[in-house]
């Protein structure tokens, strides 16, 4: 007879809004990120690498606000 038990805690976290220039590695995009012509740059759910965060910062600058989810 074998049994498995899981114990955990679910914590609800609100998304944060940060400028594109403040994005960091590990942040997760809450919404698709599109450029001015509507082309998809990064899809929602993407966990940013440092390279991707730098690329988004250079494309959008500090005046563009991005909604990110807290990474688990």
C-alpha atoms as a PDB file:
ATOM      1  CA  UNK A   1       0.000   0.000   0.000  1.00  0.00           C
ATOM      2  CA  UNK A   2       1.554   3.311  -1.090  1.00  0.00           C
ATOM      3  CA  UNK A   3       0.204   6.817  -0.724  1.00  0.00           C
ATOM      4  CA  UNK A   4       1.385  10.146  -2.002  1.00  0.00           C
ATOM      5  CA  UNK A   5       0.438  13.380  -0.315  1.00  0.00           C
ATOM      6  CA  UNK A   6       1.060  16.888  -1.613  1.00  0.00           C
ATOM      7  CA  UNK A   7       1.099  19.929   0.582  1.00  0.00           C
ATOM      8  CA  UNK A   8       1.194  23.346  -0.985  1.00  0.00           C
ATOM      9  CA  UNK A   9       0.072  26.901  -0.768  1.00  0.00           C
ATOM     10  CA  UNK A  10      -1.471  28.878  -3.604  1.00  0.00           C
ATOM     11  CA  UNK A  11      -0.683  32.548  -3.599  1.00  0.00           C
ATOM     12  CA  UNK A  12      -2.456  34.908  -5.997  1.00  0.00           C
ATOM     13  CA  UNK A  13      -0.177  37.596  -7.338  1.00  0.00           C
ATOM     14  CA  UNK A  14      -1.172  40.607  -9.373  1.00  0.00           C
ATOM     15  CA  UNK A  15       0.541  41.462 -12.609  1.00  0.00           C
ATOM     16  CA  UNK A  16       2.944  44.392 -12.607  1.00  0.00           C
ATOM     17  CA  UNK A  17       3.286  47.156 -15.162  1.00  0.00           C
ATOM     18  CA  UNK A  18       6.825  48.246 -15.930  1.00  0.00           C
ATOM     19  CA  UNK A  19       8.437  50.300 -18.649  1.00  0.00           C
ATOM     20  CA  UNK A  20      10.015  48.326 -21.467  1.00  0.00           C
ATOM     21  CA  UNK A  21      13.405  49.687 -20.381  1.00  0.00           C
ATOM     22  CA  UNK A  22      12.919  48.165 -16.895  1.00  0.00           C
ATOM     23  CA  UNK A  23      12.302  44.594 -18.107  1.00  0.00           C
ATOM     24  CA  UNK A  24      14.576  41.982 -16.566  1.00  0.00           C
ATOM     25  CA  UNK A  25      15.512  38.372 -17.130  1.00  0.00           C
ATOM     26  CA  UNK A  26      12.909  35.964 -15.751  1.00  0.00           C
ATOM     27  CA  UNK A  27       9.883  38.241 -16.130  1.00  0.00           C
ATOM     28  CA  UNK A  28       6.906  36.676 -17.930  1.00  0.00           C
ATOM     29  CA  UNK A  29       4.865  38.666 -20.456  1.00  0.00           C
ATOM     30  CA  UNK A  30       1.170  38.841 -19.585  1.00  0.00           C
ATOM     31  CA  UNK A  31       0.106  39.923 -23.103  1.00  0.00           C
ATOM     32  CA  UNK A  32       1.423  39.669 -26.637  1.00  0.00           C
ATOM     33  CA  UNK A  33       3.978  42.342 -27.415  1.00  0.00           C
ATOM     34  CA  UNK A  34       3.538  43.861 -30.880  1.00  0.00           C
ATOM     35  CA  UNK A  35       5.409  46.595 -32.703  1.00  0.00           C
ATOM     36  CA  UNK A  36       3.758  49.658 -34.272  1.00  0.00           C
ATOM     37  CA  UNK A  37       2.906  47.796 -37.481  1.00  0.00           C
ATOM     38  CA  UNK A  38       1.207  45.007 -35.505  1.00  0.00           C
ATOM     39  CA  UNK A  39       3.880  42.349 -35.981  1.00  0.00           C
ATOM     40  CA  UNK A  40       4.325  39.997 -33.038  1.00  0.00           C
ATOM     41  CA  UNK A  41       7.597  40.647 -31.195  1.00  0.00           C
ATOM     42  CA  UNK A  42       7.056  38.284 -28.238  1.00  0.00           C
ATOM     43  CA  UNK A  43       4.052  36.141 -27.330  1.00  0.00           C
ATOM     44  CA  UNK A  44       2.207  36.216 -24.016  1.00  0.00           C
ATOM     45  CA  UNK A  45       3.646  33.713 -21.571  1.00  0.00           C
ATOM     46  CA  UNK A  46       7.207  34.203 -22.772  1.00  0.00           C
ATOM     47  CA  UNK A  47       9.774  34.156 -19.965  1.00  0.00           C
ATOM     48  CA  UNK A  48      12.316  36.820 -20.838  1.00  0.00           C
ATOM     49  CA  UNK A  49      15.991  36.112 -21.199  1.00  0.00           C
ATOM     50  CA  UNK A  50      18.438  38.952 -20.637  1.00  0.00           C
ATOM     51  CA  UNK A  51      18.929  39.197 -24.413  1.00  0.00           C
ATOM     52  CA  UNK A  52      15.179  39.417 -25.094  1.00  0.00           C
ATOM     53  CA  UNK A  53      14.730  42.043 -22.355  1.00  0.00           C
ATOM     54  CA  UNK A  54      17.520  44.149 -23.871  1.00  0.00           C
ATOM     55  CA  UNK A  55      16.016  43.783 -27.356  1.00  0.00           C
ATOM     56  CA  UNK A  56      12.558  44.881 -26.164  1.00  0.00           C
ATOM     57  CA  UNK A  57      14.086  47.808 -24.270  1.00  0.00           C
ATOM     58  CA  UNK A  58      15.918  48.972 -27.405  1.00  0.00           C
ATOM     59  CA  UNK A  59      12.783  48.598 -29.555  1.00  0.00           C
ATOM     60  CA  UNK A  60      10.289  50.274 -27.218  1.00  0.00           C
ATOM     61  CA  UNK A  61      12.301  52.420 -24.797  1.00  0.00           C
ATOM     62  CA  UNK A  62      11.191  53.722 -21.420  1.00  0.00           C
ATOM     63  CA  UNK A  63       7.898  55.297 -22.542  1.00  0.00           C
ATOM     64  CA  UNK A  64       6.217  51.998 -23.424  1.00  0.00           C
ATOM     65  CA  UNK A  65       4.572  50.096 -20.541  1.00  0.00           C
ATOM     66  CA  UNK A  66       4.543  46.291 -20.491  1.00  0.00           C
ATOM     67  CA  UNK A  67       2.429  44.102 -18.207  1.00  0.00           C
ATOM     68  CA  UNK A  68       4.349  41.211 -16.697  1.00  0.00           C
ATOM     69  CA  UNK A  69       3.268  38.325 -14.497  1.00  0.00           C
ATOM     70  CA  UNK A  70       5.238  37.255 -11.483  1.00  0.00           C
ATOM     71  CA  UNK A  71       7.394  34.270 -12.342  1.00  0.00           C
ATOM     72  CA  UNK A  72       6.931  31.161 -10.253  1.00  0.00           C
END
